């Protein structure tokens, strides 16, 4: 596929959207990749990183290696993801602490639209695809209902947390950041990024790389052999994740860390009209609509032919 410079700029912008989504506990960058039309190319590119690729490097040189790697695509995407993830994680932390209803409203609208656009790519609905959708929804709902573990600063633990979380980050509907919260590693990584702790960032990135290379092979195989069922499962994942991003929550249990800081441990979704406090209903509704329309724009970009 021959691409122009502007095409790689657009890919970087899609990476920015993916990074911003992955920085928020409850939203998956995989959803953005899917809607913007680069998901299967991304999975295929990652799964093609193997011993044969490095044989090409030594036998045929860098140009052949770069072409086989699909290097320009992955570099453009990674630049957008990394810059966005690091910068937006700080913004997300502020918004989640100070304007939780508004940020969750935007992503709720985004995910509602995602369900339609992922689901419509299923070419034939059968009993198997319906069951896969239900299973995906139940699994995602269950994960979104789990309470978080206590924070863990161990570098070994951070490595495995990175390997597990990256699998969720590339799955539409399941948030890698939320998995980090469940594992008790979100604050550790957030602090490491804030303080530029190179050691912890490197450990996490190494774990993420191992998890990514392993999991991408499974996803590629599923798309090749069970395309519709895989799409149905992913649609269910996205649908089940709506519970996590519902803007109006009632905190049932708080976690208090060693510094006395409180974070919600167990939350329950409630009606905006029974919410205890300012429900910001109309502004939240506006942000839901903006989030919904954002997916239409990304889908339009993804449907453009090169």
Protein backbone atom coordinates (compact mmCIF):
# COMPACT_ATOMS: atom_id res chain seq x y z
CA UNK A 1 0.00 0.00 0.00
CA UNK A 2 1.60 3.26 -1.16
CA UNK A 3 0.91 6.17 1.16
CA UNK A 4 1.55 9.87 0.92
CA UNK A 5 3.00 12.05 3.69
CA UNK A 6 -0.48 13.38 4.58
CA UNK A 7 -1.66 9.77 5.06
CA UNK A 8 0.99 9.26 7.73
CA UNK A 9 -0.03 12.53 9.39
CA UNK A 10 -3.60 11.18 9.60
CA UNK A 11 -2.28 7.90 11.05
CA UNK A 12 -0.40 9.89 13.72
CA UNK A 13 -3.60 11.77 14.56
CA UNK A 14 -5.38 8.42 14.97
CA UNK A 15 -2.51 7.46 17.29
CA UNK A 16 -3.12 10.64 19.28
CA UNK A 17 -6.78 9.62 19.69
CA UNK A 18 -5.73 6.08 20.71
CA UNK A 19 -3.25 7.38 23.28
CA UNK A 20 -5.81 9.77 24.76
CA UNK A 21 -8.36 6.96 25.04
CA UNK A 22 -5.90 4.53 26.65
CA UNK A 23 -4.95 7.16 29.25
CA UNK A 24 -8.52 7.11 30.60
CA UNK A 25 -9.50 4.16 32.84
CA UNK A 26 -12.60 2.88 31.04
CA UNK A 27 -11.86 3.59 27.39
CA UNK A 28 -9.85 1.41 25.00
CA UNK A 29 -7.46 2.67 22.36
CA UNK A 30 -8.33 -0.52 20.47
CA UNK A 31 -11.84 0.87 20.01
CA UNK A 32 -10.42 4.00 18.36
CA UNK A 33 -8.15 1.88 16.13
CA UNK A 34 -11.09 -0.23 15.06
CA UNK A 35 -13.39 2.67 14.26
CA UNK A 36 -10.69 4.61 12.42
CA UNK A 37 -10.03 1.68 10.10
CA UNK A 38 -6.51 0.65 11.13
CA UNK A 39 -7.18 -2.17 13.62
CA UNK A 40 -6.51 -5.24 11.47
CA UNK A 41 -3.46 -3.62 9.85
CA UNK A 42 -2.15 -2.82 13.33
CA UNK A 43 -2.63 -6.40 14.58
CA UNK A 44 -1.08 -7.86 11.42
CA UNK A 45 1.90 -5.49 11.62
CA UNK A 46 2.58 -6.34 15.27
CA UNK A 47 2.22 -10.10 14.72
CA UNK A 48 4.71 -9.95 11.83
CA UNK A 49 7.50 -8.98 14.25
CA UNK A 50 9.37 -12.30 14.41
CA UNK A 51 12.75 -13.94 13.78
CA UNK A 52 12.15 -13.89 10.02
CA UNK A 53 11.91 -10.12 10.11
CA UNK A 54 15.39 -9.81 11.60
CA UNK A 55 16.77 -12.33 9.10
CA UNK A 56 15.57 -9.91 6.41
CA UNK A 57 17.44 -7.10 8.17
CA UNK A 58 20.78 -8.94 8.12
CA UNK A 59 20.41 -10.48 4.65
CA UNK A 60 18.67 -7.73 2.64
CA UNK A 61 19.38 -4.58 4.64
CA UNK A 62 17.39 -1.83 6.34
CA UNK A 63 15.09 -0.82 3.42
CA UNK A 64 13.74 -4.38 2.98
CA UNK A 65 13.44 -4.77 6.77
CA UNK A 66 11.54 -1.47 7.09
CA UNK A 67 9.14 -2.41 4.29
CA UNK A 68 8.44 -5.87 5.73
CA UNK A 69 7.93 -4.32 9.17
CA UNK A 70 5.48 -1.76 7.76
CA UNK A 71 7.75 0.62 9.63
CA UNK A 72 6.39 3.96 8.43
CA UNK A 73 2.87 2.96 9.55
CA UNK A 74 3.91 1.74 12.98
CA UNK A 75 6.29 4.67 13.59
CA UNK A 76 3.62 7.25 12.68
CA UNK A 77 1.09 5.54 14.92
CA UNK A 78 3.46 5.10 17.86
CA UNK A 79 4.55 8.74 17.76
CA UNK A 80 0.93 9.83 18.12
CA UNK A 81 0.16 7.26 20.83
CA UNK A 82 3.23 7.96 22.99
CA UNK A 83 3.01 11.76 22.87
CA UNK A 84 -0.73 11.68 23.54
CA UNK A 85 -0.62 9.00 26.27
CA UNK A 86 2.10 10.72 28.29
CA UNK A 87 0.56 14.20 28.02
CA UNK A 88 -3.10 13.19 28.26
CA UNK A 89 -2.53 10.94 31.29
CA UNK A 90 -1.79 14.10 33.27
CA UNK A 91 -4.85 15.86 31.87
CA UNK A 92 -7.00 12.78 32.47
CA UNK A 93 -5.80 12.58 36.07
CA UNK A 94 -6.88 16.20 36.63
CA UNK A 95 -10.25 15.75 34.89
CA UNK A 96 -11.05 12.48 36.67
CA UNK A 97 -10.37 14.16 40.00
CA UNK A 98 -12.10 17.48 39.28
CA UNK A 99 -14.65 16.95 36.45
CA UNK A 100 -15.44 13.21 36.44
CA UNK A 101 -19.01 13.57 35.10
CA UNK A 102 -17.89 15.61 32.09
CA UNK A 103 -15.00 13.38 30.99
CA UNK A 104 -17.06 10.21 31.44
CA UNK A 105 -19.94 11.77 29.48
CA UNK A 106 -17.70 12.43 26.48
CA UNK A 107 -16.41 8.87 26.46
CA UNK A 108 -19.87 7.41 27.05
CA UNK A 109 -21.06 9.07 23.83
CA UNK A 110 -17.93 7.86 22.07
CA UNK A 111 -18.52 4.24 23.11
CA UNK A 112 -22.25 4.29 22.20
CA UNK A 113 -21.28 5.21 18.64
CA UNK A 114 -18.50 2.60 18.65
CA UNK A 115 -20.97 -0.22 19.32
CA UNK A 116 -22.85 0.63 16.11
CA UNK A 117 -19.77 0.99 13.91
CA UNK A 118 -18.05 -2.19 15.12
CA UNK A 119 -21.29 -4.19 15.05
CA UNK A 120 -22.18 -3.17 11.49
CA UNK A 121 -18.98 -4.81 10.21
CA UNK A 122 -20.38 -8.23 11.09
CA UNK A 123 -21.45 -9.56 7.67
CA UNK A 124 -23.80 -12.29 8.90
CA UNK A 125 -25.57 -12.65 12.24
CA UNK A 126 -25.98 -16.25 13.40
CA UNK A 127 -26.54 -18.00 16.72
CA UNK A 128 -22.76 -18.17 17.23
CA UNK A 129 -22.28 -14.42 16.72
CA UNK A 130 -25.17 -13.58 19.06
CA UNK A 131 -23.70 -15.86 21.75
CA UNK A 132 -20.24 -14.29 21.25
CA UNK A 133 -21.73 -10.79 21.66
CA UNK A 134 -23.47 -11.80 24.91
CA UNK A 135 -20.32 -13.49 26.25
CA UNK A 136 -18.21 -10.42 25.41
CA UNK A 137 -20.72 -8.10 27.12
CA UNK A 138 -20.90 -10.25 30.27
CA UNK A 139 -17.08 -10.54 30.54
CA UNK A 140 -16.55 -6.79 30.04
CA UNK A 141 -19.33 -5.93 32.53
CA UNK A 142 -17.79 -8.28 35.09
CA UNK A 143 -14.31 -6.79 34.63
CA UNK A 144 -15.70 -3.26 34.92
CA UNK A 145 -17.36 -4.21 38.22
CA UNK A 146 -14.19 -5.52 39.88
CA UNK A 147 -12.70 -3.59 42.75
CA UNK A 148 -9.11 -2.42 42.62
CA UNK A 149 -6.17 -4.04 44.38
CA UNK A 150 -3.86 -2.03 46.59
CA UNK A 151 -0.98 -0.18 44.92
CA UNK A 152 2.11 -2.28 44.20
CA UNK A 153 5.51 -0.67 43.44
CA UNK A 154 7.40 -3.90 42.67
CA UNK A 155 9.24 -3.73 39.33
CA UNK A 156 8.48 -7.41 38.62
CA UNK A 157 4.80 -6.78 39.27
CA UNK A 158 4.91 -3.69 37.05
CA UNK A 159 6.40 -5.80 34.22
CA UNK A 160 3.53 -8.32 34.35
CA UNK A 161 0.97 -5.53 34.80
CA UNK A 162 2.28 -3.98 31.57
CA UNK A 163 2.02 -7.33 29.73
CA UNK A 164 -1.59 -7.81 30.85
CA UNK A 165 -2.71 -4.21 30.39
CA UNK A 166 -1.38 -3.92 26.83
CA UNK A 167 -3.59 -6.86 25.81
CA UNK A 168 -6.59 -4.90 27.04
CA UNK A 169 -5.36 -1.71 25.39
CA UNK A 170 -5.53 -3.29 21.93
CA UNK A 171 -8.89 -4.96 22.60
CA UNK A 172 -11.84 -2.73 21.68
CA UNK A 173 -14.03 -2.19 24.72
CA UNK A 174 -11.64 -3.25 27.48
CA UNK A 175 -9.56 -0.45 28.93
CA UNK A 176 -5.89 -1.08 29.62
CA UNK A 177 -5.83 1.78 32.12
CA UNK A 178 -8.74 0.25 34.02
CA UNK A 179 -6.90 -3.09 34.11
CA UNK A 180 -3.95 -1.20 35.63
CA UNK A 181 -6.30 0.20 38.28
CA UNK A 182 -7.64 -3.29 39.06
CA UNK A 183 -4.07 -4.58 39.33
CA UNK A 184 -3.07 -1.65 41.54
CA UNK A 185 -0.48 -0.38 39.05
CA UNK A 186 -2.21 2.69 37.56
CA UNK A 187 -1.02 5.15 40.20
CA UNK A 188 2.51 3.68 40.13
CA UNK A 189 2.72 4.19 36.35
CA UNK A 190 1.02 7.59 36.52
CA UNK A 191 3.54 8.77 39.14
CA UNK A 192 6.42 7.31 37.12
CA UNK A 193 5.33 9.24 34.02
CA UNK A 194 4.81 12.39 36.07
CA UNK A 195 8.26 12.08 37.72
CA UNK A 196 9.96 10.72 34.56
CA UNK A 197 11.10 7.62 36.48
CA UNK A 198 12.97 5.97 33.57
CA UNK A 199 13.51 2.68 35.43
CA UNK A 200 9.81 2.04 36.08
CA UNK A 201 8.76 3.32 32.65
CA UNK A 202 11.28 0.95 30.98
CA UNK A 203 10.08 -2.02 33.05
CA UNK A 204 6.45 -1.33 32.17
CA UNK A 205 7.27 -0.79 28.47
CA UNK A 206 9.23 -4.08 28.37
CA UNK A 207 6.29 -5.99 29.83
CA UNK A 208 3.92 -4.27 27.41
CA UNK A 209 6.14 -5.24 24.45
CA UNK A 210 6.20 -8.92 25.47
CA UNK A 211 2.42 -8.97 25.99
CA UNK A 212 1.75 -7.14 22.73
CA UNK A 213 3.85 -9.45 20.55
CA UNK A 214 2.30 -12.54 22.14
CA UNK A 215 -1.34 -11.43 22.08
CA UNK A 216 -1.27 -10.01 18.54
CA UNK A 217 -0.65 -13.49 17.09
CA UNK A 218 -3.82 -14.79 18.76
CA UNK A 219 -5.88 -11.85 17.49
CA UNK A 220 -4.53 -12.25 13.94
CA UNK A 221 -5.46 -15.95 13.99
CA UNK A 222 -8.96 -15.19 15.30
CA UNK A 223 -9.60 -12.59 12.60
CA UNK A 224 -8.36 -14.96 9.91
CA UNK A 225 -10.38 -17.98 11.03
CA UNK A 226 -13.37 -16.58 12.96
CA UNK A 227 -13.83 -13.06 11.59
CA UNK A 228 -17.52 -12.53 12.37
CA UNK A 229 -17.40 -14.23 15.77
CA UNK A 230 -14.36 -12.15 16.73
CA UNK A 231 -16.15 -8.96 15.68
CA UNK A 232 -19.22 -10.02 17.67
CA UNK A 233 -17.09 -10.71 20.74
CA UNK A 234 -15.46 -7.27 20.44
CA UNK A 235 -18.88 -5.62 20.01
CA UNK A 236 -19.94 -7.31 23.25
CA UNK A 237 -16.78 -6.09 24.99
CA UNK A 238 -17.59 -2.50 24.02
CA UNK A 239 -21.23 -2.84 25.10
CA UNK A 240 -20.28 -4.36 28.45
CA UNK A 241 -17.81 -1.56 29.16
CA UNK A 242 -20.61 1.06 29.21
CA UNK A 243 -21.12 0.37 32.91
CA UNK A 244 -17.60 1.61 33.66
CA UNK A 245 -17.97 4.89 31.74
CA UNK A 246 -21.49 5.78 32.97
CA UNK A 247 -20.97 9.37 34.22
CA UNK A 248 -23.06 9.29 37.37
CA UNK A 249 -21.64 7.09 40.12
CA UNK A 250 -22.21 6.54 43.81
CA UNK A 251 -19.09 5.50 45.71
CA UNK A 252 -19.76 2.57 48.03
CA UNK A 253 -16.20 1.97 49.28
CA UNK A 254 -13.11 4.17 49.33
CA UNK A 255 -9.45 3.13 49.25
CA UNK A 256 -7.15 5.16 51.53
CA UNK A 257 -3.44 4.91 50.72
CA UNK A 258 -0.47 5.37 53.03
CA UNK A 259 -0.52 9.14 52.41
CA UNK A 260 -4.18 9.40 53.38
CA UNK A 261 -5.36 10.01 49.79
CA UNK A 262 -8.82 8.63 48.99
CA UNK A 263 -9.73 6.95 45.70
CA UNK A 264 -13.04 5.23 44.84
CA UNK A 265 -12.76 1.45 45.29
CA UNK A 266 -16.30 0.21 44.58
CA UNK A 267 -18.81 2.36 42.67
CA UNK A 268 -22.42 1.92 41.58
CA UNK A 269 -24.03 3.53 38.53
CA UNK A 270 -27.04 5.72 39.42
CA UNK A 271 -29.57 7.85 37.56
CA UNK A 272 -28.46 11.46 36.94
CA UNK A 273 -31.65 12.55 38.70
CA UNK A 274 -30.83 10.61 41.87
CA UNK A 275 -27.16 11.64 41.81
CA UNK A 276 -26.00 13.19 45.08
CA UNK A 277 -24.63 16.57 43.96
CA UNK A 278 -24.60 18.69 40.81
CA UNK A 279 -25.43 16.29 37.97
CA UNK A 280 -24.32 18.80 35.27
CA UNK A 281 -26.95 17.11 33.14
CA UNK A 282 -27.17 19.41 30.10
CA UNK A 283 -23.41 19.93 29.79
CA UNK A 284 -22.91 16.17 30.20
CA UNK A 285 -25.50 15.52 27.48
CA UNK A 286 -23.71 17.97 25.16
CA UNK A 287 -20.39 16.18 25.73
CA UNK A 288 -22.06 12.81 25.03
CA UNK A 289 -23.22 14.17 21.67
CA UNK A 290 -19.72 15.53 20.93
CA UNK A 291 -18.21 12.13 21.80
CA UNK A 292 -20.78 10.41 19.58
CA UNK A 293 -19.97 12.72 16.65
CA UNK A 294 -16.22 12.26 17.19
CA UNK A 295 -16.61 8.60 16.24
CA UNK A 296 -18.42 9.57 13.04
CA UNK A 297 -15.45 11.77 12.09
CA UNK A 298 -12.94 9.00 12.88
CA UNK A 299 -15.01 6.46 10.96
CA UNK A 300 -15.14 8.80 7.96
CA UNK A 301 -11.34 9.15 8.07
CA UNK A 302 -11.00 5.39 8.37
CA UNK A 303 -13.26 4.75 5.36
CA UNK A 304 -11.20 6.95 3.03
CA UNK A 305 -9.26 5.10 0.39
CA UNK A 306 -5.53 5.67 0.08
